[in-house]
Amino acid sequence: MAKITSVSPLAPAAFPELPVIDGVRFASVAAGVRYAGRTDVMLTLLDPGTTVAGVFTRSATRSANVLDCQSKIGGESDAGAAIIVNSGNSNAFTGKAGDGSVAAICAAVAKATGLPETRVFTSSTGVIGERLPHDRIIAKVDDLVAALAPGKGDEAARAIMTTDTFPKGACATVALPGGEVKIAGFAKGSGMIAPDMATMLVYIFTDAKVSRADLQTMVSEINDRSFNCITVDSDTSTSDTLLMGATGASGVEVTLADSDFAQALEGVFLDLAHQVVKDGEGATKFVTVNVTGAKTDADARTHALAIANSPLVKTAVAGEDPNWGRIVMAVGKSGAAADRDRLTIRFGDVLVAENGWVAPSYKEEDGAALMKQPEITISVDIGLGAGKATVWTCDLTHGYISINADYRS
């Protein structure tokens, strides 16, 4: 795995101080999954009464861990739950051996915690196609259980990093009629990021009391507006997983009708999603792509992703070149409805093109100045309807090539 020598220039100043979520405890250890002396396994234990929801990659080659989680996620239980995650090895494309690794880890965690195996969820992230040395993880399970404590979310976030240059955390506190509830979570993700359910590993927790059905609906809907709207390199991982636990420890009941809670939860999702893009392998620019005026929202999303995933657009952004012709190209190739002579393009608040031609007021130096900023907005109006969509991406630099050329070394 390529050695990361510097933190992304788009990284936040510091990892946030996550609030303690009652009913959630964390631990992390160095198990030597791939590298000696590196913290690479984390365990989360959730108290009895916790509801769990999740979304997963739709990749046809998804890992044994993902398949196991998918088979368990719909179950109802008053028991607690455990989430164990390793970095360094994705346990993907490992055949029956991968299934055996998941079963062995789940059995070990269940024995150590007293949980049923159906309430143990696993994730693995890292190199594809190498058998997971699960015995190294199992040997550390008792140590993990003994070390469990509240307030260790930052350590857990660091344990699941691969090519990430910084740990990613986000939180919110929201006052509801029944009282105050807290939300906290962390994520990992840097490369192999494209929207197709959860586009990385994400773990979010709240002390609100939410039914499993309502929690699943919230997670699925908000995921579509956040993690499913980011792309670093258009590649969907075999291991993408988002799990959320609601412990109910606050005693405050939340339903789908509680818009304040949903808004706060969406803020946490978006914060983490944006951090993943800002840590895109080799990224130096954070790019928001807004598309309006499409025939449908689906068409707008198609156009936006065509722009965000275009290597030519992304390299132009990296080179700080306001090459609006590449935006036109990306819209034209997307397959969604468009009319060349109705397009309007803006870089930030700079009108670049309108009515199918460069705007009379446009000055190249204005576009060039805007492209030097670390955060850039590209807006395109298709001129055909009311459809709209927003996606987030980053530039494509030599750093991306260097990281991925050496990933397994």
Protein backbone atom coordinates (compact mmCIF):
# COMPACT_ATOMS: atom_id res chain seq x y z
CA MET A 1 0.00 0.00 0.00
CA ALA A 2 1.48 3.35 -1.01
CA LYS A 3 2.99 5.36 1.79
CA ILE A 4 1.19 8.66 2.32
CA THR A 5 3.71 11.34 3.18
CA SER A 6 1.55 14.44 3.54
CA VAL A 7 -1.91 15.44 4.65
CA SER A 8 -4.36 16.68 2.02
CA PRO A 9 -4.25 20.48 1.64
CA LEU A 10 -8.05 20.37 1.90
CA ALA A 11 -8.05 18.64 5.30
CA PRO A 12 -9.89 20.25 8.22
CA ALA A 13 -7.73 21.88 10.89
CA ALA A 14 -8.33 19.04 13.34
CA PHE A 15 -10.44 15.98 14.05
CA PRO A 16 -13.63 17.19 15.77
CA GLU A 17 -14.27 16.50 19.44
CA LEU A 18 -16.99 13.90 19.07
CA PRO A 19 -19.60 13.85 21.84
CA VAL A 20 -19.93 10.68 23.88
CA ILE A 21 -22.92 8.71 22.62
CA ASP A 22 -24.36 6.79 25.55
CA GLY A 23 -24.58 3.11 24.74
CA VAL A 24 -21.55 3.11 22.40
CA ARG A 25 -18.01 2.02 23.27
CA PHE A 26 -14.90 1.77 21.10
CA ALA A 27 -11.51 0.07 21.12
CA SER A 28 -8.68 -0.30 18.62
CA VAL A 29 -5.49 -2.36 18.39
CA ALA A 30 -2.55 -3.16 16.15
CA ALA A 31 -3.11 -6.69 14.85
CA GLY A 32 -0.56 -6.76 12.06
CA VAL A 33 -3.15 -7.43 9.36
CA ARG A 34 -0.75 -6.02 6.76
CA TYR A 35 1.79 -3.86 8.57
CA ALA A 36 3.52 -4.41 11.90
CA GLY A 37 2.95 -1.79 14.58
CA ARG A 38 0.07 -0.05 12.83
CA THR A 39 -3.32 0.29 14.54
CA ASP A 40 -5.54 -1.57 12.11
CA VAL A 41 -8.57 -3.06 13.87
CA MET A 42 -11.39 -1.31 15.66
CA LEU A 43 -14.31 -2.72 17.63
CA THR A 44 -17.54 -0.90 18.45
CA LEU A 45 -19.94 -2.36 21.01
CA LEU A 46 -23.55 -1.13 21.12
CA ASP A 47 -25.78 -1.64 24.14
CA PRO A 48 -28.93 -3.80 24.15
CA GLY A 49 -31.90 -2.03 22.59
CA THR A 50 -29.84 -0.52 19.78
CA THR A 51 -31.38 -0.52 16.32
CA VAL A 52 -29.04 -0.90 13.35
CA ALA A 53 -29.51 0.17 9.74
CA GLY A 54 -27.17 0.16 6.78
CA VAL A 55 -26.55 0.58 3.08
CA PHE A 56 -23.97 -1.26 1.01
CA THR A 57 -22.24 -1.31 -2.33
CA ARG A 58 -24.15 -2.74 -5.27
CA SER A 59 -20.93 -4.00 -6.82
CA ALA A 60 -21.31 -7.44 -8.37
CA THR A 61 -17.96 -8.38 -6.80
CA ARG A 62 -18.70 -7.19 -3.27
CA SER A 63 -16.78 -8.71 -0.42
CA ALA A 64 -17.75 -11.52 1.94
CA ASN A 65 -18.11 -8.94 4.71
CA VAL A 66 -20.64 -6.92 2.74
CA LEU A 67 -22.67 -9.99 1.83
CA ASP A 68 -22.74 -11.09 5.48
CA CYS A 69 -23.82 -7.64 6.70
CA GLN A 70 -26.55 -7.51 4.07
CA SER A 71 -27.92 -10.84 5.25
CA LYS A 72 -28.09 -9.59 8.86
CA ILE A 73 -29.11 -5.95 8.58
CA GLY A 74 -32.87 -6.50 8.41
CA GLY A 75 -33.04 -8.55 11.57
CA GLU A 76 -34.92 -7.35 14.63
CA SER A 77 -33.31 -7.97 18.03
CA ASP A 78 -33.22 -6.49 21.53
CA ALA A 79 -29.64 -7.65 21.87
CA GLY A 80 -26.82 -5.19 21.46
CA ALA A 81 -24.56 -5.22 18.44
CA ALA A 82 -20.88 -5.20 17.57
CA ILE A 83 -19.02 -3.76 14.59
CA ILE A 84 -15.47 -4.94 13.95
CA VAL A 85 -13.42 -3.41 11.15
CA ASN A 86 -9.92 -4.07 9.86
CA SER A 87 -7.79 -2.09 7.45
CA GLY A 88 -4.98 -3.36 5.21
CA ASN A 89 -6.94 -6.18 3.57
CA SER A 90 -10.42 -5.95 2.03
CA ASN A 91 -11.24 -9.69 2.17
CA ALA A 92 -12.70 -9.24 -1.32
CA PHE A 93 -12.30 -11.70 -4.20
CA THR A 94 -11.19 -14.35 -1.71
CA GLY A 95 -13.89 -16.96 -2.44
CA LYS A 96 -14.96 -19.40 0.26
CA ALA A 97 -11.91 -18.44 2.29
CA GLY A 98 -13.37 -14.95 2.66
CA ASP A 99 -16.65 -16.35 3.90
CA GLY A 100 -14.73 -18.48 6.38
CA SER A 101 -12.80 -15.46 7.64
CA VAL A 102 -16.03 -13.54 8.30
CA ALA A 103 -17.60 -16.52 10.08
CA ALA A 104 -14.52 -17.02 12.26
CA ILE A 105 -14.32 -13.36 13.26
CA CYS A 106 -18.05 -13.16 14.01
CA ALA A 107 -17.84 -16.28 16.17
CA ALA A 108 -14.90 -14.91 18.13
CA VAL A 109 -16.54 -11.54 18.75
CA ALA A 110 -19.84 -13.19 19.69
CA LYS A 111 -18.09 -15.43 22.22
CA ALA A 112 -16.14 -12.54 23.75
CA THR A 113 -19.15 -10.19 24.01
CA GLY A 114 -22.01 -12.58 24.65
CA LEU A 115 -23.81 -11.39 21.54
CA PRO A 116 -25.49 -13.66 19.00
CA GLU A 117 -23.44 -13.96 15.82
CA THR A 118 -26.32 -12.38 13.91
CA ARG A 119 -25.58 -9.14 15.74
CA VAL A 120 -21.90 -9.00 14.81
CA PHE A 121 -21.16 -6.88 11.73
CA THR A 122 -17.78 -6.88 10.02
CA SER A 123 -16.02 -4.68 7.48
CA SER A 124 -12.63 -5.03 5.83
CA THR A 125 -10.82 -2.45 3.72
CA GLY A 126 -7.55 -2.51 1.83
CA VAL A 127 -5.98 -4.68 -0.85
CA ILE A 128 -8.31 -6.85 -2.95
CA GLY A 129 -7.61 -10.50 -3.74
CA GLU A 130 -5.44 -11.50 -0.79
CA ARG A 131 -6.72 -13.86 1.89
CA LEU A 132 -7.48 -12.12 5.17
CA PRO A 133 -5.20 -13.33 7.99
CA HIS A 134 -8.19 -13.45 10.31
CA ASP A 135 -6.29 -15.37 12.98
CA ARG A 136 -4.35 -12.15 13.70
CA ILE A 137 -7.61 -10.32 14.29
CA ILE A 138 -9.14 -13.09 16.40
CA ALA A 139 -6.02 -13.13 18.58
CA LYS A 140 -6.76 -9.51 19.52
CA VAL A 141 -10.51 -9.80 20.20
CA ASP A 142 -10.15 -10.27 23.96
CA ASP A 143 -7.80 -7.27 24.12
CA LEU A 144 -10.32 -5.21 22.17
CA VAL A 145 -13.19 -6.14 24.48
CA ALA A 146 -11.10 -5.35 27.56
CA ALA A 147 -10.20 -1.92 26.15
CA LEU A 148 -13.74 -0.85 25.23
CA ALA A 149 -14.62 2.62 26.49
CA PRO A 150 -16.77 5.61 25.52
CA GLY A 151 -15.18 8.56 23.80
CA LYS A 152 -12.65 6.67 21.68
CA GLY A 153 -14.22 7.46 18.33
CA ASP A 154 -11.11 9.31 17.17
CA GLU A 155 -8.93 6.25 17.75
CA ALA A 156 -11.44 4.03 15.95
CA ALA A 157 -11.47 6.43 12.99
CA ARG A 158 -7.69 6.21 12.68
CA ALA A 159 -7.68 2.41 12.86
CA ILE A 160 -9.75 2.04 9.67
CA MET A 161 -7.65 4.35 7.45
CA THR A 162 -5.90 3.04 4.33
CA THR A 163 -4.70 5.70 1.86
CA ASP A 164 -6.56 8.35 3.86
CA THR A 165 -4.33 11.23 4.89
CA PHE A 166 -6.53 12.24 7.82
CA PRO A 167 -9.26 10.65 9.97
CA LYS A 168 -12.75 11.90 9.23
CA GLY A 169 -15.30 12.69 11.93
CA ALA A 170 -18.48 14.74 12.24
CA CYS A 171 -21.12 15.33 14.88
CA ALA A 172 -24.26 17.24 15.78
CA THR A 173 -26.44 17.94 18.78
CA VAL A 174 -30.10 18.69 18.22
CA ALA A 175 -32.78 19.87 20.64
CA LEU A 176 -36.09 18.08 20.13
CA PRO A 177 -39.39 18.42 22.00
CA GLY A 178 -38.54 15.31 24.02
CA GLY A 179 -35.02 16.44 24.86
CA GLU A 180 -31.53 16.68 23.41
CA VAL A 181 -30.03 13.98 21.19
CA LYS A 182 -26.51 13.55 19.89
CA ILE A 183 -25.15 12.22 16.62
CA ALA A 184 -21.52 11.32 15.93
CA GLY A 185 -19.74 9.37 13.25
CA PHE A 186 -16.57 8.72 11.34
CA ALA A 187 -15.62 7.51 7.89
CA LYS A 188 -12.73 6.32 5.81
CA GLY A 189 -12.32 6.83 2.11
CA SER A 190 -9.85 8.40 -0.29
CA GLY A 191 -9.75 6.41 -3.53
CA MET A 192 -12.05 3.94 -5.28
CA ILE A 193 -14.87 6.39 -4.54
CA ALA A 194 -17.96 6.59 -6.74
CA PRO A 195 -21.64 6.83 -5.86
CA ASP A 196 -23.30 3.42 -5.65
CA MET A 197 -24.92 3.15 -2.22
CA ALA A 198 -22.30 3.88 0.47
CA THR A 199 -19.07 4.84 -1.21
CA MET A 200 -16.59 4.05 1.58
CA LEU A 201 -16.76 2.79 5.17
CA VAL A 202 -18.97 4.93 7.41
CA TYR A 203 -20.14 4.39 11.00
CA ILE A 204 -22.64 6.77 12.59
CA PHE A 205 -24.24 6.62 16.04
CA THR A 206 -26.99 8.42 17.91
CA ASP A 207 -28.53 8.16 21.37
CA ALA A 208 -31.99 8.82 19.90
CA LYS A 209 -34.61 6.07 20.11
CA VAL A 210 -35.53 5.17 16.52
CA SER A 211 -37.34 2.12 15.19
CA ARG A 212 -35.30 -0.02 12.84
CA ALA A 213 -37.69 0.64 9.96
CA ASP A 214 -37.56 4.41 10.41
CA LEU A 215 -33.80 4.38 10.86
CA GLN A 216 -33.35 2.39 7.66
CA THR A 217 -35.57 4.80 5.73
CA MET A 218 -33.63 7.81 7.01
CA VAL A 219 -30.26 6.25 6.25
CA SER A 220 -31.26 5.19 2.73
CA GLU A 221 -32.83 8.52 1.79
CA ILE A 222 -30.10 10.73 3.24
CA ASN A 223 -27.41 8.50 1.76
CA ASP A 224 -28.81 9.18 -1.71
CA ARG A 225 -28.37 12.93 -1.16
CA SER A 226 -24.89 12.72 0.33
CA PHE A 227 -22.57 9.74 -0.07
CA ASN A 228 -24.26 8.77 -3.33
CA CYS A 229 -23.46 12.23 -4.68
CA ILE A 230 -19.69 12.13 -4.37
CA THR A 231 -17.04 10.80 -6.72
CA VAL A 232 -13.26 10.85 -6.61
CA ASP A 233 -12.34 8.53 -9.47
CA SER A 234 -15.61 6.92 -10.70
CA ASP A 235 -14.57 3.54 -9.25
CA THR A 236 -16.99 1.77 -6.91
CA SER A 237 -15.40 -0.28 -4.13
CA THR A 238 -16.12 -3.94 -3.43
CA SER A 239 -16.35 -3.14 0.28
CA ASP A 240 -18.53 -0.03 0.63
CA THR A 241 -20.53 -0.11 3.84
CA LEU A 242 -22.47 2.41 5.92
CA LEU A 243 -23.81 1.27 9.29
CA MET A 244 -25.76 3.39 11.75
CA GLY A 245 -26.74 2.50 15.29
CA ALA A 246 -29.40 4.22 17.40
CA THR A 247 -28.97 3.24 21.06
CA GLY A 248 -32.07 4.94 22.44
CA ALA A 249 -30.09 5.83 25.58
CA SER A 250 -31.40 9.42 25.62
CA GLY A 251 -34.98 8.16 25.86
CA VAL A 252 -35.97 10.66 23.16
CA GLU A 253 -38.11 9.01 20.50
CA VAL A 254 -37.54 10.06 16.89
CA THR A 255 -39.72 9.22 13.89
CA LEU A 256 -39.69 10.08 10.21
CA ALA A 257 -41.76 13.15 11.05
CA ASP A 258 -38.91 14.71 13.07
CA SER A 259 -37.43 17.00 10.44
CA ASP A 260 -34.98 18.64 12.85
CA PHE A 261 -33.33 15.31 13.58
CA ALA A 262 -33.27 14.38 9.89
CA GLN A 263 -31.70 17.73 9.03
CA ALA A 264 -29.00 17.29 11.67
CA LEU A 265 -28.33 13.74 10.51
CA GLU A 266 -28.04 14.88 6.91
CA GLY A 267 -25.55 17.51 8.02
CA VAL A 268 -23.35 14.79 9.53
CA PHE A 269 -23.65 12.65 6.40
CA LEU A 270 -22.72 15.58 4.15
CA ASP A 271 -19.82 16.64 6.35
CA LEU A 272 -18.30 13.17 6.18
CA ALA A 273 -19.02 12.83 2.45
CA HIS A 274 -17.29 16.12 1.71
CA GLN A 275 -14.30 15.14 3.85
CA VAL A 276 -13.88 11.98 1.78
CA VAL A 277 -13.75 14.05 -1.41
CA LYS A 278 -11.33 16.51 0.20
CA ASP A 279 -9.08 13.56 0.97
CA GLY A 280 -9.34 12.19 -2.57
CA GLU A 281 -6.04 10.61 -3.49
CA GLY A 282 -3.80 13.44 -4.65
CA ALA A 283 -6.61 16.02 -4.43
CA THR A 284 -5.83 19.74 -4.29
CA LYS A 285 -9.27 21.11 -5.25
CA PHE A 286 -12.77 20.47 -3.90
CA VAL A 287 -15.33 20.84 -6.68
CA THR A 288 -19.10 21.31 -6.44
CA VAL A 289 -21.00 20.58 -9.65
CA ASN A 290 -24.50 22.06 -9.85
CA VAL A 291 -26.76 21.17 -12.76
CA THR A 292 -30.12 22.87 -13.24
CA GLY A 293 -32.65 23.13 -16.06
CA ALA A 294 -32.50 19.46 -17.03
CA LYS A 295 -35.59 17.60 -18.23
CA THR A 296 -35.64 15.54 -15.01
CA ASP A 297 -33.68 15.25 -11.78
CA ALA A 298 -32.29 11.96 -13.09
CA ASP A 299 -31.00 13.69 -16.23
CA ALA A 300 -29.45 16.42 -14.09
CA ARG A 301 -27.65 13.80 -12.01
CA THR A 302 -26.40 12.08 -15.16
CA HIS A 303 -25.00 15.36 -16.50
CA ALA A 304 -23.44 16.26 -13.14
CA LEU A 305 -21.69 12.92 -12.81
CA ALA A 306 -20.46 13.10 -16.40
CA ILE A 307 -18.79 16.41 -15.56
CA ALA A 308 -17.49 15.27 -12.17
CA ASN A 309 -16.05 12.01 -13.51
CA SER A 310 -14.47 13.40 -16.68
CA PRO A 311 -10.66 13.01 -16.54
CA LEU A 312 -10.39 16.00 -18.87
CA VAL A 313 -12.48 18.21 -16.60
CA LYS A 314 -10.65 17.01 -13.50
CA THR A 315 -7.19 17.54 -14.97
CA ALA A 316 -8.18 21.01 -16.18
CA VAL A 317 -9.20 21.84 -12.60
CA ALA A 318 -5.88 20.47 -11.35
CA GLY A 319 -4.06 22.69 -13.83
CA GLU A 320 -6.23 25.69 -12.89
CA ASP A 321 -7.31 25.96 -16.52
CA PRO A 322 -10.83 27.40 -17.06
CA ASN A 323 -11.39 25.12 -20.03
CA TRP A 324 -15.14 25.38 -20.34
CA GLY A 325 -15.07 23.40 -23.59
CA ARG A 326 -14.52 20.29 -21.50
CA ILE A 327 -17.74 21.00 -19.61
CA VAL A 328 -19.58 21.15 -22.93
CA MET A 329 -17.98 17.86 -23.93
CA ALA A 330 -19.01 16.14 -20.69
CA VAL A 331 -22.64 17.28 -21.01
CA GLY A 332 -22.73 16.13 -24.60
CA LYS A 333 -21.41 12.65 -23.87
CA SER A 334 -23.56 11.97 -20.79
CA GLY A 335 -26.48 10.47 -22.71
CA ALA A 336 -29.06 12.67 -20.98
CA ALA A 337 -31.09 15.18 -22.96
CA ALA A 338 -29.28 18.43 -23.82
CA ASP A 339 -29.39 21.20 -26.41
CA ARG A 340 -26.08 22.79 -27.34
CA ASP A 341 -27.66 26.19 -27.98
CA ARG A 342 -29.40 26.39 -24.59
CA LEU A 343 -26.45 25.70 -22.31
CA THR A 344 -25.32 28.19 -19.70
CA ILE A 345 -22.05 27.61 -17.83
CA ARG A 346 -20.63 29.39 -14.79
CA PHE A 347 -17.41 29.00 -12.81
CA GLY A 348 -18.41 30.32 -9.41
CA ASP A 349 -20.20 33.61 -10.10
CA VAL A 350 -18.39 34.10 -13.41
CA LEU A 351 -20.69 33.69 -16.42
CA VAL A 352 -18.62 31.75 -18.95
CA ALA A 353 -21.05 30.68 -21.67
CA GLU A 354 -24.69 31.17 -22.61
CA ASN A 355 -26.96 30.44 -25.55
CA GLY A 356 -24.53 27.87 -26.86
CA TRP A 357 -21.54 30.21 -27.08
CA VAL A 358 -19.01 32.00 -24.91
CA ALA A 359 -20.65 34.88 -23.01
CA PRO A 360 -19.81 38.36 -24.39
CA SER A 361 -18.90 39.50 -20.87
CA TYR A 362 -16.52 36.61 -20.19
CA LYS A 363 -12.84 37.35 -19.64
CA GLU A 364 -10.36 34.49 -19.52
CA GLU A 365 -8.48 36.10 -16.63
CA ASP A 366 -11.66 36.04 -14.52
CA GLY A 367 -12.08 32.32 -15.08
CA ALA A 368 -8.40 31.67 -14.43
CA ALA A 369 -8.49 33.60 -11.15
CA LEU A 370 -11.45 31.58 -9.92
CA MET A 371 -9.78 28.27 -10.80
CA LYS A 372 -6.90 29.08 -8.45
CA GLN A 373 -9.21 28.80 -5.45
CA PRO A 374 -9.11 25.58 -3.37
CA GLU A 375 -12.89 25.20 -3.60
CA ILE A 376 -14.60 25.66 -6.96
CA THR A 377 -18.21 25.56 -8.09
CA ILE A 378 -19.13 24.61 -11.66
CA SER A 379 -22.74 25.38 -12.57
CA VAL A 380 -24.49 24.31 -15.75
CA ASP A 381 -28.05 25.12 -16.75
CA ILE A 382 -29.31 22.76 -19.45
CA GLY A 383 -32.25 24.98 -20.43
CA LEU A 384 -34.78 22.19 -20.94
CA GLY A 385 -36.78 21.85 -17.72
CA ALA A 386 -36.76 21.95 -13.92
CA GLY A 387 -34.50 19.00 -13.13
CA LYS A 388 -31.58 19.66 -10.80
CA ALA A 389 -28.76 17.84 -9.03
CA THR A 390 -25.56 18.53 -7.10
CA VAL A 391 -22.53 16.28 -6.84
CA TRP A 392 -19.10 16.78 -5.32
CA THR A 393 -15.71 15.75 -6.65
CA CYS A 394 -12.04 16.69 -6.67
CA ASP A 395 -9.31 17.27 -9.22
CA LEU A 396 -7.09 14.58 -10.74
CA THR A 397 -3.38 15.10 -10.16
CA HIS A 398 -0.07 13.27 -10.52
CA GLY A 399 -0.50 12.37 -6.86
CA TYR A 400 -3.39 10.05 -7.70
CA ILE A 401 -1.23 8.14 -10.16
CA SER A 402 1.68 7.88 -7.71
CA ILE A 403 -0.50 6.55 -4.89
CA ASN A 404 -2.26 3.96 -7.00
CA ALA A 405 0.76 2.85 -9.00
CA ASP A 406 2.43 1.83 -5.74
CA TYR A 407 -0.67 0.75 -3.80
CA ARG A 408 0.38 -2.86 -3.15
CA SER A 409 4.06 -2.21 -2.54
